[in-house]
Amino acid sequence: MRERHTSPVDVVRAYATAKSRADIPAALKSCHPDVVFETIPFQAVARGTEEAARQFAGFLRAFPDYDVELGYLHGMSGLVVGSGTIRATMAGPLAGIDPTGKAYALPFACHWTVRDGLIAHERFFFDFHQMCEQLGLSTDAAGAKVAAWREHAQRAAR
């Protein structure tokens, strides 16, 4: 059963709290079954909760201590805009990139469309170059690995 919250901002808070606990099922309870997640720096799109669960699982294996600190949230007519800080340590591989054991702390901006008390769309922004720099990765090399991962995932989905 999907979670129902009293306001769009409550939906986003519940979702972010669950992701920070690495509780994928709880995070997805705040989402429509046909939700769309866009991670802009990776040019990655997950459509539906099953695809999102796979992407979240891979990301959380790489960054098991992932934490979202919400600094600003504002809701209006089903749209929530927010910003804050994301923190994580790269403990496992991601998209063919070997783990560095280093951590990042990055500002982020995001907007969520909330429909019928559930997240229908997330568009998530952060600085890929700063993430790579803090993790000790070459931006060009990491970008190429992410592009190859994305292409492979798109072919597999066809």
N, C-alpha and C. Protein backbone atom coordinates (compact mmCIF):
# COMPACT_ATOMS: atom_id res chain seq x y z
N MET A 1 0.83 -1.18 0.00
CA MET A 1 0.00 0.00 0.00
C MET A 1 0.87 1.25 0.00
N ARG A 2 0.50 2.23 -0.77
CA ARG A 2 1.23 3.48 -0.87
C ARG A 2 0.93 4.38 0.33
N GLU A 3 1.94 5.14 0.74
CA GLU A 3 1.78 6.08 1.84
C GLU A 3 0.98 7.30 1.36
N ARG A 4 0.20 7.86 2.23
CA ARG A 4 -0.53 9.10 1.96
C ARG A 4 -0.10 10.13 3.01
N HIS A 5 0.29 11.29 2.57
CA HIS A 5 0.77 12.34 3.47
C HIS A 5 -0.14 13.56 3.34
N THR A 6 -0.08 14.43 4.33
CA THR A 6 -1.02 15.54 4.36
C THR A 6 -0.66 16.67 3.41
N SER A 7 0.57 16.83 3.04
CA SER A 7 0.96 17.89 2.11
C SER A 7 2.07 17.39 1.20
N PRO A 8 2.25 18.04 0.04
CA PRO A 8 3.36 17.65 -0.84
C PRO A 8 4.72 17.72 -0.15
N VAL A 9 4.92 18.71 0.71
CA VAL A 9 6.19 18.82 1.44
C VAL A 9 6.38 17.62 2.36
N ASP A 10 5.29 17.16 3.03
CA ASP A 10 5.38 15.96 3.87
C ASP A 10 5.79 14.73 3.06
N VAL A 11 5.26 14.62 1.85
CA VAL A 11 5.61 13.50 0.97
C VAL A 11 7.11 13.50 0.71
N VAL A 12 7.65 14.65 0.35
CA VAL A 12 9.07 14.76 0.05
C VAL A 12 9.92 14.47 1.28
N ARG A 13 9.52 14.99 2.42
CA ARG A 13 10.28 14.72 3.66
C ARG A 13 10.31 13.22 3.97
N ALA A 14 9.18 12.55 3.85
CA ALA A 14 9.12 11.11 4.12
C ALA A 14 10.02 10.34 3.15
N TYR A 15 9.98 10.71 1.90
CA TYR A 15 10.80 10.08 0.86
C TYR A 15 12.29 10.28 1.16
N ALA A 16 12.70 11.53 1.44
CA ALA A 16 14.11 11.83 1.70
C ALA A 16 14.60 11.11 2.95
N THR A 17 13.77 11.05 3.97
CA THR A 17 14.14 10.35 5.21
C THR A 17 14.37 8.86 4.94
N ALA A 18 13.48 8.26 4.17
CA ALA A 18 13.62 6.83 3.85
C ALA A 18 14.88 6.58 3.03
N LYS A 19 15.17 7.43 2.03
CA LYS A 19 16.40 7.25 1.24
C LYS A 19 17.63 7.38 2.11
N SER A 20 17.61 8.31 3.07
CA SER A 20 18.75 8.47 3.97
C SER A 20 18.96 7.26 4.87
N ARG A 21 17.92 6.48 5.09
CA ARG A 21 18.03 5.21 5.84
C ARG A 21 18.36 4.05 4.92
N ALA A 22 18.49 4.32 3.62
CA ALA A 22 18.70 3.28 2.60
C ALA A 22 17.53 2.30 2.58
N ASP A 23 16.35 2.79 2.89
CA ASP A 23 15.14 1.98 2.92
C ASP A 23 14.37 2.23 1.61
N ILE A 24 14.75 1.50 0.59
CA ILE A 24 14.16 1.68 -0.73
C ILE A 24 12.66 1.41 -0.74
N PRO A 25 12.19 0.31 -0.16
CA PRO A 25 10.73 0.10 -0.16
C PRO A 25 9.96 1.25 0.49
N ALA A 26 10.47 1.78 1.61
CA ALA A 26 9.79 2.89 2.28
C ALA A 26 9.82 4.14 1.41
N ALA A 27 10.95 4.41 0.74
CA ALA A 27 11.04 5.58 -0.14
C ALA A 27 10.02 5.47 -1.26
N LEU A 28 9.91 4.28 -1.84
CA LEU A 28 9.02 4.11 -2.99
C LEU A 28 7.55 4.09 -2.59
N LYS A 29 7.24 3.88 -1.31
CA LYS A 29 5.85 3.97 -0.86
C LYS A 29 5.32 5.40 -0.99
N SER A 30 6.22 6.37 -1.08
CA SER A 30 5.82 7.77 -1.25
C SER A 30 5.69 8.14 -2.72
N CYS A 31 5.75 7.13 -3.62
CA CYS A 31 5.81 7.40 -5.06
C CYS A 31 4.70 6.69 -5.82
N HIS A 32 4.25 7.33 -6.90
CA HIS A 32 3.32 6.69 -7.83
C HIS A 32 4.01 5.50 -8.47
N PRO A 33 3.28 4.45 -8.82
CA PRO A 33 3.90 3.31 -9.51
C PRO A 33 4.57 3.71 -10.83
N ASP A 34 4.08 4.76 -11.49
CA ASP A 34 4.63 5.20 -12.77
C ASP A 34 5.54 6.42 -12.62
N VAL A 35 6.11 6.61 -11.43
CA VAL A 35 6.97 7.74 -11.13
C VAL A 35 8.14 7.82 -12.12
N VAL A 36 8.63 9.03 -12.37
CA VAL A 36 9.81 9.25 -13.20
C VAL A 36 10.84 9.97 -12.34
N PHE A 37 12.04 9.39 -12.26
CA PHE A 37 13.16 9.99 -11.54
C PHE A 37 14.23 10.38 -12.55
N GLU A 38 14.62 11.64 -12.53
CA GLU A 38 15.70 12.11 -13.39
C GLU A 38 16.86 12.59 -12.52
N THR A 39 18.02 11.99 -12.73
CA THR A 39 19.24 12.44 -12.07
C THR A 39 20.04 13.15 -13.15
N ILE A 40 19.93 14.47 -13.17
CA ILE A 40 20.44 15.27 -14.28
C ILE A 40 21.95 15.11 -14.50
N PRO A 41 22.80 15.14 -13.46
CA PRO A 41 24.24 15.01 -13.73
C PRO A 41 24.63 13.69 -14.40
N PHE A 42 23.87 12.62 -14.12
CA PHE A 42 24.15 11.33 -14.74
C PHE A 42 23.37 11.14 -16.04
N GLN A 43 22.49 12.07 -16.37
CA GLN A 43 21.58 11.94 -17.51
C GLN A 43 20.85 10.60 -17.43
N ALA A 44 20.46 10.25 -16.22
CA ALA A 44 19.81 8.96 -15.97
C ALA A 44 18.34 9.19 -15.67
N VAL A 45 17.51 8.35 -16.24
CA VAL A 45 16.07 8.42 -16.01
C VAL A 45 15.60 7.02 -15.62
N ALA A 46 14.86 6.96 -14.52
CA ALA A 46 14.22 5.70 -14.12
C ALA A 46 12.72 5.93 -14.23
N ARG A 47 12.05 5.02 -14.92
CA ARG A 47 10.60 5.12 -15.11
C ARG A 47 9.93 3.97 -14.36
N GLY A 48 9.09 4.35 -13.42
CA GLY A 48 8.38 3.35 -12.63
C GLY A 48 9.16 2.91 -11.42
N THR A 49 8.45 2.39 -10.44
CA THR A 49 9.09 2.02 -9.17
C THR A 49 10.03 0.83 -9.30
N GLU A 50 9.76 -0.10 -10.22
CA GLU A 50 10.67 -1.25 -10.36
C GLU A 50 12.04 -0.81 -10.88
N GLU A 51 12.04 0.02 -11.92
CA GLU A 51 13.31 0.52 -12.48
C GLU A 51 14.01 1.41 -11.44
N ALA A 52 13.24 2.24 -10.76
CA ALA A 52 13.82 3.10 -9.73
C ALA A 52 14.45 2.26 -8.62
N ALA A 53 13.78 1.21 -8.19
CA ALA A 53 14.32 0.35 -7.13
C ALA A 53 15.67 -0.23 -7.55
N ARG A 54 15.81 -0.65 -8.80
CA ARG A 54 17.10 -1.19 -9.28
C ARG A 54 18.18 -0.10 -9.26
N GLN A 55 17.84 1.11 -9.75
CA GLN A 55 18.84 2.18 -9.75
C GLN A 55 19.21 2.59 -8.33
N PHE A 56 18.20 2.74 -7.46
CA PHE A 56 18.48 3.11 -6.08
C PHE A 56 19.37 2.07 -5.40
N ALA A 57 19.09 0.79 -5.65
CA ALA A 57 19.87 -0.28 -5.02
C ALA A 57 21.33 -0.20 -5.45
N GLY A 58 21.58 0.00 -6.74
CA GLY A 58 22.95 0.13 -7.22
C GLY A 58 23.65 1.33 -6.62
N PHE A 59 22.95 2.44 -6.55
CA PHE A 59 23.53 3.65 -5.98
C PHE A 59 23.83 3.47 -4.49
N LEU A 60 22.90 2.87 -3.76
CA LEU A 60 23.09 2.70 -2.32
C LEU A 60 24.12 1.62 -1.99
N ARG A 61 24.36 0.68 -2.92
CA ARG A 61 25.49 -0.25 -2.72
C ARG A 61 26.80 0.51 -2.81
N ALA A 62 26.88 1.46 -3.73
CA ALA A 62 28.10 2.27 -3.89
C ALA A 62 28.26 3.27 -2.75
N PHE A 63 27.13 3.82 -2.28
CA PHE A 63 27.14 4.86 -1.25
C PHE A 63 26.21 4.48 -0.10
N PRO A 64 26.58 3.47 0.70
CA PRO A 64 25.66 2.96 1.72
C PRO A 64 25.34 3.96 2.83
N ASP A 65 26.16 4.98 3.00
CA ASP A 65 25.89 5.98 4.04
C ASP A 65 25.25 7.25 3.46
N TYR A 66 24.67 7.17 2.28
CA TYR A 66 24.04 8.31 1.63
C TYR A 66 23.08 9.01 2.59
N ASP A 67 23.19 10.33 2.65
CA ASP A 67 22.35 11.10 3.55
C ASP A 67 21.90 12.38 2.87
N VAL A 68 20.62 12.68 3.00
CA VAL A 68 20.03 13.89 2.44
C VAL A 68 19.73 14.83 3.60
N GLU A 69 20.30 16.01 3.56
CA GLU A 69 19.97 17.05 4.52
C GLU A 69 19.14 18.10 3.79
N LEU A 70 17.86 18.13 4.08
CA LEU A 70 16.97 19.09 3.45
C LEU A 70 17.16 20.44 4.12
N GLY A 71 17.52 21.44 3.32
CA GLY A 71 17.72 22.77 3.87
C GLY A 71 16.55 23.69 3.59
N TYR A 72 15.92 23.51 2.46
CA TYR A 72 14.82 24.38 2.04
C TYR A 72 13.82 23.54 1.28
N LEU A 73 12.57 23.64 1.64
CA LEU A 73 11.49 23.01 0.90
C LEU A 73 10.33 24.00 0.83
N HIS A 74 9.78 24.11 -0.35
CA HIS A 74 8.61 24.96 -0.53
C HIS A 74 7.65 24.27 -1.48
N GLY A 75 6.42 24.12 -1.06
CA GLY A 75 5.41 23.47 -1.88
C GLY A 75 4.40 24.47 -2.40
N MET A 76 3.96 24.24 -3.64
CA MET A 76 2.94 25.08 -4.26
C MET A 76 2.23 24.28 -5.34
N SER A 77 0.96 24.10 -5.20
CA SER A 77 0.12 23.45 -6.22
C SER A 77 0.71 22.15 -6.74
N GLY A 78 1.16 21.27 -5.86
CA GLY A 78 1.66 19.97 -6.30
C GLY A 78 3.11 19.97 -6.74
N LEU A 79 3.78 21.12 -6.68
CA LEU A 79 5.20 21.19 -7.00
C LEU A 79 5.95 21.54 -5.73
N VAL A 80 6.98 20.76 -5.42
CA VAL A 80 7.84 21.06 -4.28
C VAL A 80 9.23 21.34 -4.84
N VAL A 81 9.79 22.46 -4.45
CA VAL A 81 11.17 22.78 -4.82
C VAL A 81 11.99 22.75 -3.54
N GLY A 82 13.21 22.30 -3.66
CA GLY A 82 14.02 22.20 -2.47
C GLY A 82 15.50 22.22 -2.77
N SER A 83 16.24 22.38 -1.71
CA SER A 83 17.70 22.34 -1.78
C SER A 83 18.22 21.84 -0.45
N GLY A 84 19.49 21.54 -0.44
CA GLY A 84 20.11 21.05 0.78
C GLY A 84 21.49 20.52 0.45
N THR A 85 21.90 19.51 1.22
CA THR A 85 23.22 18.91 1.05
C THR A 85 23.07 17.40 1.02
N ILE A 86 23.77 16.77 0.08
CA ILE A 86 23.86 15.31 0.06
C ILE A 86 25.28 14.93 0.46
N ARG A 87 25.38 13.86 1.24
CA ARG A 87 26.68 13.38 1.71
C ARG A 87 26.74 11.87 1.53
N ALA A 88 27.91 11.38 1.19
CA ALA A 88 28.08 9.93 1.06
C ALA A 88 29.55 9.59 0.90
N THR A 89 29.86 8.33 1.18
CA THR A 89 31.21 7.80 1.00
C THR A 89 31.13 6.70 -0.05
N MET A 90 32.04 6.72 -1.02
CA MET A 90 32.03 5.73 -2.10
C MET A 90 32.69 4.44 -1.62
N ALA A 91 31.85 3.51 -1.15
CA ALA A 91 32.33 2.25 -0.58
C ALA A 91 32.24 1.08 -1.55
N GLY A 92 31.54 1.27 -2.66
CA GLY A 92 31.38 0.20 -3.64
C GLY A 92 31.42 0.78 -5.04
N PRO A 93 31.47 -0.08 -6.06
CA PRO A 93 31.51 0.40 -7.44
C PRO A 93 30.18 0.99 -7.88
N LEU A 94 30.26 1.92 -8.81
CA LEU A 94 29.07 2.53 -9.39
C LEU A 94 29.29 2.71 -10.88
N ALA A 95 28.43 2.13 -11.68
CA ALA A 95 28.48 2.29 -13.14
C ALA A 95 29.86 1.97 -13.70
N GLY A 96 30.51 0.95 -13.14
CA GLY A 96 31.83 0.55 -13.62
C GLY A 96 32.98 1.38 -13.04
N ILE A 97 32.68 2.29 -12.13
CA ILE A 97 33.70 3.12 -11.49
C ILE A 97 34.10 2.44 -10.18
N ASP A 98 35.39 2.19 -10.03
CA ASP A 98 35.87 1.55 -8.81
C ASP A 98 35.72 2.48 -7.61
N PRO A 99 35.41 1.93 -6.44
CA PRO A 99 35.24 2.78 -5.25
C PRO A 99 36.56 3.42 -4.83
N THR A 100 36.46 4.62 -4.30
CA THR A 100 37.65 5.35 -3.85
C THR A 100 37.77 5.37 -2.33
N GLY A 101 36.68 5.07 -1.62
CA GLY A 101 36.69 5.18 -0.17
C GLY A 101 36.59 6.62 0.32
N LYS A 102 36.50 7.56 -0.61
CA LYS A 102 36.41 8.97 -0.23
C LYS A 102 34.94 9.40 -0.17
N ALA A 103 34.74 10.52 0.50
CA ALA A 103 33.39 11.04 0.71
C ALA A 103 33.17 12.34 -0.05
N TYR A 104 31.91 12.66 -0.26
CA TYR A 104 31.55 13.97 -0.81
C TYR A 104 30.46 14.59 0.06
N ALA A 105 30.41 15.91 0.00
CA ALA A 105 29.32 16.70 0.59
C ALA A 105 29.01 17.76 -0.46
N LEU A 106 27.83 17.68 -1.05
CA LEU A 106 27.48 18.53 -2.18
C LEU A 106 26.14 19.23 -1.98
N PRO A 107 26.08 20.49 -2.38
CA PRO A 107 24.75 21.12 -2.41
C PRO A 107 23.94 20.50 -3.55
N PHE A 108 22.63 20.47 -3.36
CA PHE A 108 21.76 19.97 -4.42
C PHE A 108 20.54 20.87 -4.52
N ALA A 109 19.88 20.77 -5.65
CA ALA A 109 18.57 21.38 -5.86
C ALA A 109 17.70 20.30 -6.49
N CYS A 110 16.43 20.36 -6.20
CA CYS A 110 15.53 19.34 -6.72
C CYS A 110 14.13 19.91 -6.83
N HIS A 111 13.38 19.36 -7.77
CA HIS A 111 11.94 19.63 -7.73
C HIS A 111 11.20 18.34 -7.93
N TRP A 112 10.09 18.25 -7.21
CA TRP A 112 9.26 17.06 -7.19
C TRP A 112 7.84 17.47 -7.57
N THR A 113 7.24 16.72 -8.45
CA THR A 113 5.81 16.89 -8.73
C THR A 113 5.08 15.86 -7.90
N VAL A 114 4.12 16.32 -7.11
CA VAL A 114 3.36 15.45 -6.23
C VAL A 114 1.91 15.45 -6.71
N ARG A 115 1.41 14.25 -6.97
CA ARG A 115 0.04 14.09 -7.47
C ARG A 115 -0.68 13.05 -6.60
N ASP A 116 -1.86 13.38 -6.15
CA ASP A 116 -2.65 12.46 -5.32
C ASP A 116 -1.88 12.00 -4.08
N GLY A 117 -1.07 12.89 -3.50
CA GLY A 117 -0.34 12.56 -2.29
C GLY A 117 0.88 11.68 -2.49
N LEU A 118 1.34 11.54 -3.75
CA LEU A 118 2.50 10.70 -4.06
C LEU A 118 3.41 11.42 -5.06
N ILE A 119 4.69 11.15 -4.97
CA ILE A 119 5.64 11.74 -5.92
C ILE A 119 5.41 11.11 -7.29
N ALA A 120 5.21 11.96 -8.29
CA ALA A 120 5.03 11.51 -9.66
C ALA A 120 6.27 11.76 -10.51
N HIS A 121 7.10 12.74 -10.10
CA HIS A 121 8.29 13.09 -10.89
C HIS A 121 9.30 13.77 -9.97
N GLU A 122 10.55 13.35 -10.11
CA GLU A 122 11.66 14.00 -9.40
C GLU A 122 12.71 14.39 -10.42
N ARG A 123 13.20 15.61 -10.31
CA ARG A 123 14.32 16.08 -11.15
C ARG A 123 15.38 16.61 -10.18
N PHE A 124 16.54 15.92 -10.15
CA PHE A 124 17.56 16.10 -9.13
C PHE A 124 18.85 16.65 -9.75
N PHE A 125 19.35 17.76 -9.19
CA PHE A 125 20.53 18.45 -9.73
C PHE A 125 21.62 18.56 -8.68
N PHE A 126 22.86 18.28 -9.09
CA PHE A 126 24.04 18.56 -8.28
C PHE A 126 25.22 18.66 -9.23
N ASP A 127 26.36 19.09 -8.74
CA ASP A 127 27.53 19.33 -9.59
C ASP A 127 28.36 18.04 -9.72
N PHE A 128 28.29 17.42 -10.88
CA PHE A 128 29.01 16.17 -11.15
C PHE A 128 30.52 16.37 -10.99
N HIS A 129 31.04 17.49 -11.49
CA HIS A 129 32.48 17.74 -11.40
C HIS A 129 32.93 17.81 -9.94
N GLN A 130 32.16 18.51 -9.10
CA GLN A 130 32.52 18.60 -7.69
C GLN A 130 32.45 17.24 -7.00
N MET A 131 31.46 16.43 -7.38
CA MET A 131 31.37 15.09 -6.82
C MET A 131 32.63 14.30 -7.17
N CYS A 132 33.00 14.31 -8.44
CA CYS A 132 34.19 13.58 -8.88
C CYS A 132 35.45 14.09 -8.18
N GLU A 133 35.58 15.40 -8.09
CA GLU A 133 36.76 15.98 -7.44
C GLU A 133 36.86 15.51 -5.99
N GLN A 134 35.75 15.56 -5.26
CA GLN A 134 35.78 15.14 -3.86
C GLN A 134 36.01 13.64 -3.70
N LEU A 135 35.59 12.86 -4.70
CA LEU A 135 35.81 11.41 -4.64
C LEU A 135 37.17 10.99 -5.19
N GLY A 136 37.94 11.95 -5.71
CA GLY A 136 39.25 11.64 -6.27
C GLY A 136 39.17 10.97 -7.63
N LEU A 137 38.14 11.31 -8.39
CA LEU A 137 37.93 10.72 -9.72
C LEU A 137 38.16 11.76 -10.81
N SER A 138 38.61 11.31 -11.94
CA SER A 138 38.66 12.16 -13.13
C SER A 138 37.23 12.34 -13.63
N THR A 139 36.83 13.58 -13.82
CA THR A 139 35.48 13.86 -14.32
C THR A 139 35.29 13.23 -15.70
N ASP A 140 36.29 13.36 -16.56
CA ASP A 140 36.16 12.80 -17.91
C ASP A 140 36.03 11.28 -17.87
N ALA A 141 36.87 10.62 -17.08
CA ALA A 141 36.83 9.15 -17.01
C ALA A 141 35.51 8.69 -16.38
N ALA A 142 35.09 9.34 -15.29
CA ALA A 142 33.83 8.96 -14.64
C ALA A 142 32.66 9.23 -15.57
N GLY A 143 32.68 10.35 -16.28
CA GLY A 143 31.61 10.66 -17.23
C GLY A 143 31.50 9.61 -18.32
N ALA A 144 32.65 9.14 -18.80
CA ALA A 144 32.64 8.11 -19.84
C ALA A 144 32.07 6.80 -19.30
N LYS A 145 32.41 6.44 -18.07
CA LYS A 145 31.86 5.21 -17.47
C LYS A 145 30.35 5.32 -17.28
N VAL A 146 29.89 6.47 -16.81
CA VAL A 146 28.45 6.68 -16.62
C VAL A 146 27.73 6.63 -17.97
N ALA A 147 28.32 7.23 -19.00
CA ALA A 147 27.71 7.20 -20.34
C ALA A 147 27.61 5.77 -20.86
N ALA A 148 28.65 4.96 -20.66
CA ALA A 148 28.62 3.56 -21.09
C ALA A 148 27.57 2.78 -20.31
N TRP A 149 27.48 3.03 -19.00
CA TRP A 149 26.46 2.37 -18.17
C TRP A 149 25.07 2.74 -18.66
N ARG A 150 24.86 4.03 -18.91
CA ARG A 150 23.54 4.52 -19.35
C ARG A 150 23.16 3.89 -20.69
N GLU A 151 24.11 3.82 -21.62
CA GLU A 151 23.85 3.21 -22.93
C GLU A 151 23.51 1.73 -22.79
N HIS A 152 24.25 1.03 -21.94
CA HIS A 152 23.98 -0.39 -21.71
C HIS A 152 22.58 -0.57 -21.12
N ALA A 153 22.23 0.26 -20.14
CA ALA A 153 20.91 0.17 -19.51
C ALA A 153 19.79 0.46 -20.51
N GLN A 154 20.00 1.41 -21.40
CA GLN A 154 19.00 1.73 -22.41
C GLN A 154 18.81 0.59 -23.39
N ARG A 155 19.91 -0.05 -23.80
CA ARG A 155 19.82 -1.21 -24.71
C ARG A 155 19.09 -2.37 -24.03
N ALA A 156 19.39 -2.60 -22.76
CA ALA A 156 18.78 -3.70 -22.03
C ALA A 156 17.28 -3.48 -21.86
N ALA A 157 16.87 -2.21 -21.78
CA ALA A 157 15.44 -1.90 -21.58
C ALA A 157 14.63 -2.08 -22.85
N ARG A 158 15.28 -2.11 -24.00
CA ARG A 158 14.54 -2.24 -25.28
C ARG A 158 14.07 -3.63 -25.54
